[in-house]
Amino acid sequence: MANAYRGEVEITLNGEAQVMRLTFGALVALEEAVGPVLALVERLEAGQATAKDILSVIFAGLRGAGWTGDLSDLRQAEFGGGYLAAIQVAGDLLRKGFGIDDRNT
């Protein structure tokens, strides 16, 4: 179960709940994959994020929480709720990773 106070978000992969968390190391890996995180956030806000962007955010969050799978595992995974849910979860993870509380926005 995800702990929101630690910036964790839950996602369902292949029918199993997984926890994600953006650690500093996960953010570095995310930037290596898709470029500056702030530019990624702008793409998400503008509705211009790519599938690679979304997958990269989710992968970074899973790895930040200790998931040991690799990117090919994630590419083949079934996302609970489909692609739209994956977009939502990626946005939630970025907000929590940066300490943005939806209740205060």
PDB file of N, CA and C in Angstrom:
ATOM      1  N   MET A   1       0.840  -1.173   0.000  1.00  0.00           N
ATOM      2  CA  MET A   1       0.000   0.000   0.000  1.00  0.00           C
ATOM      3  C   MET A   1       0.890   1.243   0.000  1.00  0.00           C
ATOM      4  N   ALA A   2       0.534   2.201  -0.855  1.00  0.00           N
ATOM      5  CA  ALA A   2       1.313   3.429  -0.984  1.00  0.00           C
ATOM      6  C   ALA A   2       1.114   4.337   0.222  1.00  0.00           C
ATOM      7  N   ASN A   3       2.190   5.001   0.619  1.00  0.00           N
ATOM      8  CA  ASN A   3       2.161   5.960   1.711  1.00  0.00           C
ATOM      9  C   ASN A   3       2.280   7.362   1.105  1.00  0.00           C
ATOM     10  N   ALA A   4       1.172   8.077   1.031  1.00  0.00           N
ATOM     11  CA  ALA A   4       1.147   9.402   0.408  1.00  0.00           C
ATOM     12  C   ALA A   4       2.083  10.384   1.101  1.00  0.00           C
ATOM     13  N   TYR A   5       2.322  10.206   2.394  1.00  0.00           N
ATOM     14  CA  TYR A   5       3.207  11.110   3.124  1.00  0.00           C
ATOM     15  C   TYR A   5       4.664  10.949   2.710  1.00  0.00           C
ATOM     16  N   ARG A   6       4.983   9.820   2.098  1.00  0.00           N
ATOM     17  CA  ARG A   6       6.339   9.591   1.579  1.00  0.00           C
ATOM     18  C   ARG A   6       6.415   9.899   0.098  1.00  0.00           C
ATOM     19  N   GLY A   7       5.333  10.388  -0.478  1.00  0.00           N
ATOM     20  CA  GLY A   7       5.313  10.693  -1.907  1.00  0.00           C
ATOM     21  C   GLY A   7       5.067   9.476  -2.767  1.00  0.00           C
ATOM     22  N   GLU A   8       4.523   8.433  -2.173  1.00  0.00           N
ATOM     23  CA  GLU A   8       4.292   7.193  -2.911  1.00  0.00           C
ATOM     24  C   GLU A   8       2.934   7.205  -3.609  1.00  0.00           C
ATOM     25  N   VAL A   9       2.891   6.526  -4.739  1.00  0.00           N
ATOM     26  CA  VAL A   9       1.674   6.371  -5.534  1.00  0.00           C
ATOM     27  C   VAL A   9       1.592   4.901  -5.924  1.00  0.00           C
ATOM     28  N   GLU A  10       0.389   4.396  -6.001  1.00  0.00           N
ATOM     29  CA  GLU A  10       0.177   2.986  -6.351  1.00  0.00           C
ATOM     30  C   GLU A  10      -0.276   2.861  -7.806  1.00  0.00           C
ATOM     31  N   ILE A  11       0.205   1.816  -8.453  1.00  0.00           N
ATOM     32  CA  ILE A  11      -0.208   1.483  -9.811  1.00  0.00           C
ATOM     33  C   ILE A  11      -0.454  -0.021  -9.860  1.00  0.00           C
ATOM     34  N   THR A  12      -1.366  -0.435 -10.717  1.00  0.00           N
ATOM     35  CA  THR A  12      -1.622  -1.860 -10.878  1.00  0.00           C
ATOM     36  C   THR A  12      -0.982  -2.330 -12.182  1.00  0.00           C
ATOM     37  N   LEU A  13      -0.079  -3.303 -12.055  1.00  0.00           N
ATOM     38  CA  LEU A  13       0.596  -3.905 -13.212  1.00  0.00           C
ATOM     39  C   LEU A  13       0.335  -5.400 -13.194  1.00  0.00           C
ATOM     40  N   ASN A  14      -0.168  -5.893 -14.297  1.00  0.00           N
ATOM     41  CA  ASN A  14      -0.461  -7.324 -14.412  1.00  0.00           C
ATOM     42  C   ASN A  14      -1.317  -7.814 -13.247  1.00  0.00           C
ATOM     43  N   GLY A  15      -2.259  -6.964 -12.831  1.00  0.00           N
ATOM     44  CA  GLY A  15      -3.190  -7.343 -11.777  1.00  0.00           C
ATOM     45  C   GLY A  15      -2.657  -7.222 -10.360  1.00  0.00           C
ATOM     46  N   GLU A  16      -1.423  -6.747 -10.189  1.00  0.00           N
ATOM     47  CA  GLU A  16      -0.829  -6.622  -8.862  1.00  0.00           C
ATOM     48  C   GLU A  16      -0.520  -5.170  -8.551  1.00  0.00           C
ATOM     49  N   ALA A  17      -0.851  -4.747  -7.346  1.00  0.00           N
ATOM     50  CA  ALA A  17      -0.547  -3.383  -6.912  1.00  0.00           C
ATOM     51  C   ALA A  17       0.962  -3.236  -6.720  1.00  0.00           C
ATOM     52  N   GLN A  18       1.498  -2.153  -7.257  1.00  0.00           N
ATOM     53  CA  GLN A  18       2.918  -1.821  -7.111  1.00  0.00           C
ATOM     54  C   GLN A  18       3.011  -0.397  -6.583  1.00  0.00           C
ATOM     55  N   VAL A  19       4.000  -0.138  -5.760  1.00  0.00           N
ATOM     56  CA  VAL A  19       4.234   1.194  -5.211  1.00  0.00           C
ATOM     57  C   VAL A  19       5.307   1.886  -6.044  1.00  0.00           C
ATOM     58  N   MET A  20       5.121   3.189  -6.250  1.00  0.00           N
ATOM     59  CA  MET A  20       6.114   4.007  -6.950  1.00  0.00           C
ATOM     60  C   MET A  20       6.505   5.176  -6.060  1.00  0.00           C
ATOM     61  N   ARG A  21       7.744   5.629  -6.220  1.00  0.00           N
ATOM     62  CA  ARG A  21       8.244   6.769  -5.444  1.00  0.00           C
ATOM     63  C   ARG A  21       9.388   7.412  -6.216  1.00  0.00           C
ATOM     64  N   LEU A  22       9.371   8.725  -6.313  1.00  0.00           N
ATOM     65  CA  LEU A  22      10.442   9.430  -7.016  1.00  0.00           C
ATOM     66  C   LEU A  22      11.529   9.851  -6.038  1.00  0.00           C
ATOM     67  N   THR A  23      12.567   9.056  -5.972  1.00  0.00           N
ATOM     68  CA  THR A  23      13.741   9.410  -5.179  1.00  0.00           C
ATOM     69  C   THR A  23      14.628  10.321  -6.037  1.00  0.00           C
ATOM     70  N   PHE A  24      15.654  10.883  -5.440  1.00  0.00           N
ATOM     71  CA  PHE A  24      16.575  11.724  -6.201  1.00  0.00           C
ATOM     72  C   PHE A  24      17.213  10.914  -7.339  1.00  0.00           C
ATOM     73  N   GLY A  25      17.620   9.692  -7.026  1.00  0.00           N
ATOM     74  CA  GLY A  25      18.210   8.837  -8.055  1.00  0.00           C
ATOM     75  C   GLY A  25      17.234   8.530  -9.174  1.00  0.00           C
ATOM     76  N   ALA A  26      15.963   8.344  -8.816  1.00  0.00           N
ATOM     77  CA  ALA A  26      14.939   8.087  -9.828  1.00  0.00           C
ATOM     78  C   ALA A  26      14.750   9.302 -10.728  1.00  0.00           C
ATOM     79  N   LEU A  27      14.818  10.500 -10.149  1.00  0.00           N
ATOM     80  CA  LEU A  27      14.701  11.723 -10.954  1.00  0.00           C
ATOM     81  C   LEU A  27      15.877  11.874 -11.912  1.00  0.00           C
ATOM     82  N   VAL A  28      17.070  11.516 -11.465  1.00  0.00           N
ATOM     83  CA  VAL A  28      18.243  11.565 -12.338  1.00  0.00           C
ATOM     84  C   VAL A  28      18.047  10.604 -13.513  1.00  0.00           C
ATOM     85  N   ALA A  29      17.614   9.388 -13.228  1.00  0.00           N
ATOM     86  CA  ALA A  29      17.369   8.415 -14.284  1.00  0.00           C
ATOM     87  C   ALA A  29      16.274   8.896 -15.239  1.00  0.00           C
ATOM     88  N   LEU A  30      15.251   9.539 -14.694  1.00  0.00           N
ATOM     89  CA  LEU A  30      14.171  10.070 -15.519  1.00  0.00           C
ATOM     90  C   LEU A  30      14.702  11.148 -16.459  1.00  0.00           C
ATOM     91  N   GLU A  31      15.535  12.045 -15.958  1.00  0.00           N
ATOM     92  CA  GLU A  31      16.119  13.073 -16.812  1.00  0.00           C
ATOM     93  C   GLU A  31      17.014  12.474 -17.890  1.00  0.00           C
ATOM     94  N   GLU A  32      17.720  11.413 -17.559  1.00  0.00           N
ATOM     95  CA  GLU A  32      18.550  10.744 -18.565  1.00  0.00           C
ATOM     96  C   GLU A  32      17.697  10.150 -19.672  1.00  0.00           C
ATOM     97  N   ALA A  33      16.483   9.724 -19.323  1.00  0.00           N
ATOM     98  CA  ALA A  33      15.602   9.079 -20.304  1.00  0.00           C
ATOM     99  C   ALA A  33      14.858  10.079 -21.183  1.00  0.00           C
ATOM    100  N   VAL A  34      14.385  11.196 -20.592  1.00  0.00           N
ATOM    101  CA  VAL A  34      13.494  12.090 -21.353  1.00  0.00           C
ATOM    102  C   VAL A  34      13.899  13.556 -21.318  1.00  0.00           C
ATOM    103  N   GLY A  35      15.006  13.894 -20.717  1.00  0.00           N
ATOM    104  CA  GLY A  35      15.414  15.291 -20.648  1.00  0.00           C
ATOM    105  C   GLY A  35      14.936  15.933 -19.353  1.00  0.00           C
ATOM    106  N   PRO A  36      15.046  17.260 -19.276  1.00  0.00           N
ATOM    107  CA  PRO A  36      14.714  17.969 -18.033  1.00  0.00           C
ATOM    108  C   PRO A  36      13.306  17.665 -17.533  1.00  0.00           C
ATOM    109  N   VAL A  37      13.213  17.415 -16.234  1.00  0.00           N
ATOM    110  CA  VAL A  37      11.929  17.050 -15.635  1.00  0.00           C
ATOM    111  C   VAL A  37      10.918  18.188 -15.771  1.00  0.00           C
ATOM    112  N   LEU A  38      11.359  19.430 -15.649  1.00  0.00           N
ATOM    113  CA  LEU A  38      10.416  20.543 -15.766  1.00  0.00           C
ATOM    114  C   LEU A  38       9.816  20.621 -17.175  1.00  0.00           C
ATOM    115  N   ALA A  39      10.607  20.318 -18.192  1.00  0.00           N
ATOM    116  CA  ALA A  39      10.073  20.273 -19.559  1.00  0.00           C
ATOM    117  C   ALA A  39       9.058  19.134 -19.690  1.00  0.00           C
ATOM    118  N   LEU A  40       9.325  18.022 -19.031  1.00  0.00           N
ATOM    119  CA  LEU A  40       8.388  16.900 -19.025  1.00  0.00           C
ATOM    120  C   LEU A  40       7.067  17.308 -18.378  1.00  0.00           C
ATOM    121  N   VAL A  41       7.150  18.000 -17.252  1.00  0.00           N
ATOM    122  CA  VAL A  41       5.939  18.467 -16.568  1.00  0.00           C
ATOM    123  C   VAL A  41       5.150  19.399 -17.490  1.00  0.00           C
ATOM    124  N   GLU A  42       5.849  20.284 -18.192  1.00  0.00           N
ATOM    125  CA  GLU A  42       5.167  21.182 -19.133  1.00  0.00           C
ATOM    126  C   GLU A  42       4.460  20.398 -20.242  1.00  0.00           C
ATOM    127  N   ARG A  43       5.115  19.355 -20.750  1.00  0.00           N
ATOM    128  CA  ARG A  43       4.472  18.521 -21.782  1.00  0.00           C
ATOM    129  C   ARG A  43       3.221  17.840 -21.225  1.00  0.00           C
ATOM    130  N   LEU A  44       3.316  17.333 -20.008  1.00  0.00           N
ATOM    131  CA  LEU A  44       2.155  16.697 -19.392  1.00  0.00           C
ATOM    132  C   LEU A  44       1.007  17.690 -19.218  1.00  0.00           C
ATOM    133  N   GLU A  45       1.326  18.873 -18.713  1.00  0.00           N
ATOM    134  CA  GLU A  45       0.291  19.887 -18.492  1.00  0.00           C
ATOM    135  C   GLU A  45      -0.361  20.329 -19.796  1.00  0.00           C
ATOM    136  N   ALA A  46       0.410  20.337 -20.885  1.00  0.00           N
ATOM    137  CA  ALA A  46      -0.102  20.766 -22.187  1.00  0.00           C
ATOM    138  C   ALA A  46      -0.772  19.626 -22.951  1.00  0.00           C
ATOM    139  N   GLY A  47      -0.773  18.432 -22.365  1.00  0.00           N
ATOM    140  CA  GLY A  47      -1.350  17.283 -23.048  1.00  0.00           C
ATOM    141  C   GLY A  47      -0.499  16.788 -24.207  1.00  0.00           C
ATOM    142  N   GLN A  48       0.808  17.059 -24.145  1.00  0.00           N
ATOM    143  CA  GLN A  48       1.714  16.688 -25.225  1.00  0.00           C
ATOM    144  C   GLN A  48       2.738  15.639 -24.822  1.00  0.00           C
ATOM    145  N   ALA A  49       2.519  15.000 -23.694  1.00  0.00           N
ATOM    146  CA  ALA A  49       3.443  13.957 -23.248  1.00  0.00           C
ATOM    147  C   ALA A  49       3.326  12.751 -24.167  1.00  0.00           C
ATOM    148  N   THR A  50       4.447  12.135 -24.428  1.00  0.00           N
ATOM    149  CA  THR A  50       4.466  10.944 -25.273  1.00  0.00           C
ATOM    150  C   THR A  50       4.310   9.688 -24.418  1.00  0.00           C
ATOM    151  N   ALA A  51       4.048   8.582 -25.084  1.00  0.00           N
ATOM    152  CA  ALA A  51       3.985   7.303 -24.374  1.00  0.00           C
ATOM    153  C   ALA A  51       5.325   7.013 -23.702  1.00  0.00           C
ATOM    154  N   LYS A  52       6.435   7.393 -24.354  1.00  0.00           N
ATOM    155  CA  LYS A  52       7.763   7.209 -23.758  1.00  0.00           C
ATOM    156  C   LYS A  52       7.882   8.025 -22.476  1.00  0.00           C
ATOM    157  N   ASP A  53       7.365   9.262 -22.484  1.00  0.00           N
ATOM    158  CA  ASP A  53       7.389  10.096 -21.281  1.00  0.00           C
ATOM    159  C   ASP A  53       6.674   9.394 -20.129  1.00  0.00           C
ATOM    160  N   ILE A  54       5.464   8.925 -20.401  1.00  0.00           N
ATOM    161  CA  ILE A  54       4.643   8.288 -19.369  1.00  0.00           C
ATOM    162  C   ILE A  54       5.324   7.034 -18.844  1.00  0.00           C
ATOM    163  N   LEU A  55       5.796   6.193 -19.753  1.00  0.00           N
ATOM    164  CA  LEU A  55       6.470   4.955 -19.360  1.00  0.00           C
ATOM    165  C   LEU A  55       7.726   5.264 -18.544  1.00  0.00           C
ATOM    166  N   SER A  56       8.448   6.309 -18.930  1.00  0.00           N
ATOM    167  CA  SER A  56       9.676   6.675 -18.217  1.00  0.00           C
ATOM    168  C   SER A  56       9.383   7.151 -16.797  1.00  0.00           C
ATOM    169  N   VAL A  57       8.312   7.923 -16.614  1.00  0.00           N
ATOM    170  CA  VAL A  57       7.936   8.374 -15.274  1.00  0.00           C
ATOM    171  C   VAL A  57       7.582   7.174 -14.407  1.00  0.00           C
ATOM    172  N   ILE A  58       6.770   6.288 -14.945  1.00  0.00           N
ATOM    173  CA  ILE A  58       6.347   5.108 -14.191  1.00  0.00           C
ATOM    174  C   ILE A  58       7.547   4.220 -13.861  1.00  0.00           C
ATOM    175  N   PHE A  59       8.423   4.007 -14.818  1.00  0.00           N
ATOM    176  CA  PHE A  59       9.606   3.182 -14.584  1.00  0.00           C
ATOM    177  C   PHE A  59      10.490   3.793 -13.494  1.00  0.00           C
ATOM    178  N   ALA A  60      10.706   5.109 -13.573  1.00  0.00           N
ATOM    179  CA  ALA A  60      11.527   5.771 -12.556  1.00  0.00           C
ATOM    180  C   ALA A  60      10.892   5.625 -11.174  1.00  0.00           C
ATOM    181  N   GLY A  61       9.583   5.786 -11.103  1.00  0.00           N
ATOM    182  CA  GLY A  61       8.897   5.658  -9.817  1.00  0.00           C
ATOM    183  C   GLY A  61       8.947   4.249  -9.254  1.00  0.00           C
ATOM    184  N   LEU A  62       8.772   3.268 -10.127  1.00  0.00           N
ATOM    185  CA  LEU A  62       8.859   1.874  -9.676  1.00  0.00           C
ATOM    186  C   LEU A  62      10.252   1.560  -9.153  1.00  0.00           C
ATOM    187  N   ARG A  63      11.267   1.980  -9.916  1.00  0.00           N
ATOM    188  CA  ARG A  63      12.646   1.720  -9.487  1.00  0.00           C
ATOM    189  C   ARG A  63      12.969   2.462  -8.198  1.00  0.00           C
ATOM    190  N   GLY A  64      12.447   3.686  -8.064  1.00  0.00           N
ATOM    191  CA  GLY A  64      12.656   4.464  -6.839  1.00  0.00           C
ATOM    192  C   GLY A  64      12.078   3.786  -5.613  1.00  0.00           C
ATOM    193  N   ALA A  65      11.048   2.965  -5.821  1.00  0.00           N
ATOM    194  CA  ALA A  65      10.420   2.242  -4.709  1.00  0.00           C
ATOM    195  C   ALA A  65      10.984   0.836  -4.542  1.00  0.00           C
ATOM    196  N   GLY A  66      12.002   0.500  -5.343  1.00  0.00           N
ATOM    197  CA  GLY A  66      12.674  -0.785  -5.165  1.00  0.00           C
ATOM    198  C   GLY A  66      12.277  -1.884  -6.121  1.00  0.00           C
ATOM    199  N   TRP A  67      11.445  -1.582  -7.118  1.00  0.00           N
ATOM    200  CA  TRP A  67      11.041  -2.599  -8.098  1.00  0.00           C
ATOM    201  C   TRP A  67      12.267  -3.072  -8.858  1.00  0.00           C
ATOM    202  N   THR A  68      12.380  -4.362  -9.084  1.00  0.00           N
ATOM    203  CA  THR A  68      13.577  -4.915  -9.706  1.00  0.00           C
ATOM    204  C   THR A  68      13.387  -5.292 -11.172  1.00  0.00           C
ATOM    205  N   GLY A  69      12.209  -5.032 -11.718  1.00  0.00           N
ATOM    206  CA  GLY A  69      11.981  -5.327 -13.128  1.00  0.00           C
ATOM    207  C   GLY A  69      12.775  -4.389 -14.013  1.00  0.00           C
ATOM    208  N   ASP A  70      12.802  -4.697 -15.296  1.00  0.00           N
ATOM    209  CA  ASP A  70      13.486  -3.800 -16.223  1.00  0.00           C
ATOM    210  C   ASP A  70      12.474  -3.165 -17.174  1.00  0.00           C
ATOM    211  N   LEU A  71      12.963  -2.311 -18.038  1.00  0.00           N
ATOM    212  CA  LEU A  71      12.078  -1.562 -18.926  1.00  0.00           C
ATOM    213  C   LEU A  71      11.301  -2.477 -19.865  1.00  0.00           C
ATOM    214  N   SER A  72      11.908  -3.569 -20.299  1.00  0.00           N
ATOM    215  CA  SER A  72      11.179  -4.492 -21.180  1.00  0.00           C
ATOM    216  C   SER A  72      10.029  -5.173 -20.432  1.00  0.00           C
ATOM    217  N   ASP A  73      10.204  -5.432 -19.127  1.00  0.00           N
ATOM    218  CA  ASP A  73       9.097  -5.965 -18.318  1.00  0.00           C
ATOM    219  C   ASP A  73       7.943  -4.979 -18.289  1.00  0.00           C
ATOM    220  N   LEU A  74       8.275  -3.710 -18.101  1.00  0.00           N
ATOM    221  CA  LEU A  74       7.235  -2.686 -18.013  1.00  0.00           C
ATOM    222  C   LEU A  74       6.536  -2.497 -19.357  1.00  0.00           C
ATOM    223  N   ARG A  75       7.293  -2.548 -20.430  1.00  0.00           N
ATOM    224  CA  ARG A  75       6.692  -2.395 -21.770  1.00  0.00           C
ATOM    225  C   ARG A  75       5.679  -3.491 -22.061  1.00  0.00           C
ATOM    226  N   GLN A  76       5.860  -4.658 -21.484  1.00  0.00           N
ATOM    227  CA  GLN A  76       4.962  -5.787 -21.731  1.00  0.00           C
ATOM    228  C   GLN A  76       3.851  -5.901 -20.688  1.00  0.00           C
ATOM    229  N   ALA A  77       3.893  -5.062 -19.668  1.00  0.00           N
ATOM    230  CA  ALA A  77       2.934  -5.170 -18.574  1.00  0.00           C
ATOM    231  C   ALA A  77       1.556  -4.661 -18.983  1.00  0.00           C
ATOM    232  N   GLU A  78       0.551  -5.218 -18.323  1.00  0.00           N
ATOM    233  CA  GLU A  78      -0.820  -4.738 -18.479  1.00  0.00           C
ATOM    234  C   GLU A  78      -1.071  -3.724 -17.369  1.00  0.00           C
ATOM    235  N   PHE A  79      -1.436  -2.513 -17.753  1.00  0.00           N
ATOM    236  CA  PHE A  79      -1.689  -1.442 -16.806  1.00  0.00           C
ATOM    237  C   PHE A  79      -3.148  -1.460 -16.399  1.00  0.00           C
ATOM    238  N   GLY A  80      -3.406  -1.551 -15.103  1.00  0.00           N
ATOM    239  CA  GLY A  80      -4.777  -1.480 -14.617  1.00  0.00           C
ATOM    240  C   GLY A  80      -5.377  -0.136 -14.996  1.00  0.00           C
ATOM    241  N   GLY A  81      -6.494  -0.144 -15.696  1.00  0.00           N
ATOM    242  CA  GLY A  81      -7.117   1.099 -16.140  1.00  0.00           C
ATOM    243  C   GLY A  81      -6.630   1.572 -17.489  1.00  0.00           C
ATOM    244  N   GLY A  82      -5.630   0.899 -18.058  1.00  0.00           N
ATOM    245  CA  GLY A  82      -5.153   1.245 -19.392  1.00  0.00           C
ATOM    246  C   GLY A  82      -4.280   2.491 -19.434  1.00  0.00           C
ATOM    247  N   TYR A  83      -4.117   2.994 -20.650  1.00  0.00           N
ATOM    248  CA  TYR A  83      -3.204   4.109 -20.895  1.00  0.00           C
ATOM    249  C   TYR A  83      -3.649   5.388 -20.190  1.00  0.00           C
ATOM    250  N   LEU A  84      -4.936   5.662 -20.177  1.00  0.00           N
ATOM    251  CA  LEU A  84      -5.408   6.878 -19.513  1.00  0.00           C
ATOM    252  C   LEU A  84      -5.115   6.851 -18.018  1.00  0.00           C
ATOM    253  N   ALA A  85      -5.268   5.693 -17.407  1.00  0.00           N
ATOM    254  CA  ALA A  85      -4.935   5.567 -15.986  1.00  0.00           C
ATOM    255  C   ALA A  85      -3.432   5.740 -15.783  1.00  0.00           C
ATOM    256  N   ALA A  86      -2.620   5.242 -16.707  1.00  0.00           N
ATOM    257  CA  ALA A  86      -1.171   5.393 -16.602  1.00  0.00           C
ATOM    258  C   ALA A  86      -0.774   6.874 -16.658  1.00  0.00           C
ATOM    259  N   ILE A  87      -1.442   7.645 -17.520  1.00  0.00           N
ATOM    260  CA  ILE A  87      -1.177   9.085 -17.593  1.00  0.00           C
ATOM    261  C   ILE A  87      -1.511   9.744 -16.262  1.00  0.00           C
ATOM    262  N   GLN A  88      -2.651   9.402 -15.701  1.00  0.00           N
ATOM    263  CA  GLN A  88      -3.091   9.977 -14.422  1.00  0.00           C
ATOM    264  C   GLN A  88      -2.103   9.637 -13.306  1.00  0.00           C
ATOM    265  N   VAL A  89      -1.688   8.389 -13.247  1.00  0.00           N
ATOM    266  CA  VAL A  89      -0.761   7.943 -12.202  1.00  0.00           C
ATOM    267  C   VAL A  89       0.591   8.633 -12.352  1.00  0.00           C
ATOM    268  N   ALA A  90       1.052   8.806 -13.587  1.00  0.00           N
ATOM    269  CA  ALA A  90       2.326   9.497 -13.818  1.00  0.00           C
ATOM    270  C   ALA A  90       2.244  10.932 -13.315  1.00  0.00           C
ATOM    271  N   GLY A  91       1.141  11.609 -13.593  1.00  0.00           N
ATOM    272  CA  GLY A  91       0.956  12.971 -13.097  1.00  0.00           C
ATOM    273  C   GLY A  91       0.901  13.023 -11.581  1.00  0.00           C
ATOM    274  N   ASP A  92       0.179  12.073 -10.983  1.00  0.00           N
ATOM    275  CA  ASP A  92       0.097  11.995  -9.522  1.00  0.00           C
ATOM    276  C   ASP A  92       1.482  11.799  -8.908  1.00  0.00           C
ATOM    277  N   LEU A  93       2.263  10.928  -9.533  1.00  0.00           N
ATOM    278  CA  LEU A  93       3.600  10.640  -9.017  1.00  0.00           C
ATOM    279  C   LEU A  93       4.484  11.887  -9.066  1.00  0.00           C
ATOM    280  N   LEU A  94       4.426  12.617 -10.165  1.00  0.00           N
ATOM    281  CA  LEU A  94       5.223  13.838 -10.263  1.00  0.00           C
ATOM    282  C   LEU A  94       4.772  14.879  -9.238  1.00  0.00           C
ATOM    283  N   ARG A  95       3.474  15.044  -9.064  1.00  0.00           N
ATOM    284  CA  ARG A  95       2.980  16.002  -8.067  1.00  0.00           C
ATOM    285  C   ARG A  95       3.452  15.619  -6.667  1.00  0.00           C
ATOM    286  N   LYS A  96       3.287  14.362  -6.311  1.00  0.00           N
ATOM    287  CA  LYS A  96       3.703  13.925  -4.971  1.00  0.00           C
ATOM    288  C   LYS A  96       5.220  13.983  -4.824  1.00  0.00           C
ATOM    289  N   GLY A  97       5.943  13.645  -5.888  1.00  0.00           N
ATOM    290  CA  GLY A  97       7.404  13.687  -5.852  1.00  0.00           C
ATOM    291  C   GLY A  97       7.952  15.076  -5.592  1.00  0.00           C
ATOM    292  N   PHE A  98       7.205  16.083  -6.028  1.00  0.00           N
ATOM    293  CA  PHE A  98       7.611  17.463  -5.805  1.00  0.00           C
ATOM    294  C   PHE A  98       6.875  18.106  -4.642  1.00  0.00           C
ATOM    295  N   GLY A  99       6.114  17.294  -3.880  1.00  0.00           N
ATOM    296  CA  GLY A  99       5.450  17.778  -2.689  1.00  0.00           C
ATOM    297  C   GLY A  99       4.249  18.660  -2.958  1.00  0.00           C
ATOM    298  N   ILE A 100       3.639  18.523  -4.127  1.00  0.00           N
ATOM    299  CA  ILE A 100       2.465  19.318  -4.450  1.00  0.00           C
ATOM    300  C   ILE A 100       1.241  18.543  -4.015  1.00  0.00           C
ATOM    301  N   ASP A 101       0.491  19.136  -3.097  1.00  0.00           N
ATOM    302  CA  ASP A 101      -0.708  18.506  -2.549  1.00  0.00           C
ATOM    303  C   ASP A 101      -1.919  19.033  -3.298  1.00  0.00           C
ATOM    304  N   ASP A 102      -2.665  18.163  -3.958  1.00  0.00           N
ATOM    305  CA  ASP A 102      -3.839  18.574  -4.731  1.00  0.00           C
ATOM    306  C   ASP A 102      -4.851  19.344  -3.900  1.00  0.00           C
ATOM    307  N   ARG A 103      -4.898  19.113  -2.620  1.00  0.00           N
ATOM    308  CA  ARG A 103      -5.863  19.807  -1.773  1.00  0.00           C
ATOM    309  C   ARG A 103      -5.535  21.278  -1.633  1.00  0.00           C
ATOM    310  N   ASN A 104      -4.284  21.658  -1.910  1.00  0.00           N
ATOM    311  CA  ASN A 104      -3.875  23.052  -1.746  1.00  0.00           C
ATOM    312  C   ASN A 104      -3.740  23.777  -3.069  1.00  0.00           C
ATOM    313  N   THR A 105      -4.128  23.172  -4.162  1.00  0.00           N
ATOM    314  CA  THR A 105      -3.975  23.826  -5.466  1.00  0.00           C
ATOM    315  C   THR A 105      -5.292  24.302  -5.987  1.00  0.00           C
TER     316      THR A 105
END
